[in-house]
Amino acid sequence: MVLTAKEKKLLIRILRKEKRRIFGLKENKKDVNLLLDKLEQSSRNEKVNEVKPSKL
């Protein structure tokens, strides 16, 4: 499944809220942190890998 940039931003926002929850399982928080890191890294990679047309 391929996620669009808009979907990734939405997931990152939801995971950040989940990360701040006071009550929750520690295993769940580890999973949330790992997934959040992956999505943030993926969005950073997209920004770096964008190809802009050059003026040749």
C-alpha atoms as a PDB file:
ATOM      1  CA  MET A   1       0.000   0.000   0.000  1.00  0.00           C
ATOM      2  CA  VAL A   2       1.382   3.375  -1.000  1.00  0.00           C
ATOM      3  CA  LEU A   3       0.503   6.396   1.103  1.00  0.00           C
ATOM      4  CA  THR A   4       0.197   9.893  -0.236  1.00  0.00           C
ATOM      5  CA  ALA A   5       1.929  12.818   1.461  1.00  0.00           C
ATOM      6  CA  LYS A   6      -1.408  13.999   2.852  1.00  0.00           C
ATOM      7  CA  GLU A   7      -2.103  10.590   4.387  1.00  0.00           C
ATOM      8  CA  LYS A   8       1.384  10.461   5.912  1.00  0.00           C
ATOM      9  CA  LYS A   9       0.897  13.879   7.514  1.00  0.00           C
ATOM     10  CA  LEU A  10      -2.416  12.745   8.971  1.00  0.00           C
ATOM     11  CA  LEU A  11      -0.860   9.569  10.390  1.00  0.00           C
ATOM     12  CA  ILE A  12       2.043  11.521  11.880  1.00  0.00           C
ATOM     13  CA  ARG A  13      -0.397  13.880  13.581  1.00  0.00           C
ATOM     14  CA  ILE A  14      -2.427  10.975  14.999  1.00  0.00           C
ATOM     15  CA  LEU A  15       0.684   9.154  16.198  1.00  0.00           C
ATOM     16  CA  ARG A  16       1.976  12.270  17.956  1.00  0.00           C
ATOM     17  CA  LYS A  17      -1.316  12.506  19.855  1.00  0.00           C
ATOM     18  CA  GLU A  18      -1.109   8.823  20.718  1.00  0.00           C
ATOM     19  CA  LYS A  19       2.463   9.285  21.921  1.00  0.00           C
ATOM     20  CA  ARG A  20       1.374  11.938  24.431  1.00  0.00           C
ATOM     21  CA  ARG A  21      -1.411   9.819  25.948  1.00  0.00           C
ATOM     22  CA  ILE A  22      -0.880   9.324  29.655  1.00  0.00           C
ATOM     23  CA  PHE A  23      -2.537   5.939  29.955  1.00  0.00           C
ATOM     24  CA  GLY A  24      -1.390   3.202  27.646  1.00  0.00           C
ATOM     25  CA  LEU A  25       0.815   0.169  27.352  1.00  0.00           C
ATOM     26  CA  LYS A  26       4.574   0.674  27.222  1.00  0.00           C
ATOM     27  CA  GLU A  27       4.867  -1.819  24.361  1.00  0.00           C
ATOM     28  CA  ASN A  28       2.282   0.182  22.461  1.00  0.00           C
ATOM     29  CA  LYS A  29       4.249   3.397  23.004  1.00  0.00           C
ATOM     30  CA  LYS A  30       7.396   1.773  21.640  1.00  0.00           C
ATOM     31  CA  ASP A  31       5.519   0.671  18.531  1.00  0.00           C
ATOM     32  CA  VAL A  32       4.009   4.135  18.129  1.00  0.00           C
ATOM     33  CA  ASN A  33       7.448   5.753  18.435  1.00  0.00           C
ATOM     34  CA  LEU A  34       8.964   3.387  15.872  1.00  0.00           C
ATOM     35  CA  LEU A  35       6.169   3.947  13.373  1.00  0.00           C
ATOM     36  CA  LEU A  36       6.286   7.703  13.937  1.00  0.00           C
ATOM     37  CA  ASP A  37      10.039   7.743  13.280  1.00  0.00           C
ATOM     38  CA  LYS A  38       9.591   5.734  10.073  1.00  0.00           C
ATOM     39  CA  LEU A  39       6.871   8.027   8.742  1.00  0.00           C
ATOM     40  CA  GLU A  40       8.815  11.187   9.581  1.00  0.00           C
ATOM     41  CA  GLN A  41      11.938   9.795   7.912  1.00  0.00           C
ATOM     42  CA  SER A  42       9.914   8.815   4.866  1.00  0.00           C
ATOM     43  CA  SER A  43       8.472  12.308   4.533  1.00  0.00           C
ATOM     44  CA  ARG A  44      11.959  13.841   4.900  1.00  0.00           C
ATOM     45  CA  ASN A  45      13.252  11.500   2.198  1.00  0.00           C
ATOM     46  CA  GLU A  46      10.476  12.560  -0.148  1.00  0.00           C
ATOM     47  CA  LYS A  47      11.439  16.206   0.285  1.00  0.00           C
ATOM     48  CA  VAL A  48      15.111  15.474  -0.390  1.00  0.00           C
ATOM     49  CA  ASN A  49      14.443  13.230  -3.368  1.00  0.00           C
ATOM     50  CA  GLU A  50      12.123  15.628  -5.188  1.00  0.00           C
ATOM     51  CA  VAL A  51      13.449  16.337  -8.645  1.00  0.00           C
ATOM     52  CA  LYS A  52      13.027  19.894  -9.821  1.00  0.00           C
ATOM     53  CA  PRO A  53      13.247  20.697 -13.509  1.00  0.00           C
ATOM     54  CA  SER A  54      16.500  22.438 -14.316  1.00  0.00           C
ATOM     55  CA  LYS A  55      16.939  25.277 -16.744  1.00  0.00           C
ATOM     56  CA  LEU A  56      19.104  23.756 -19.459  1.00  0.00           C
END
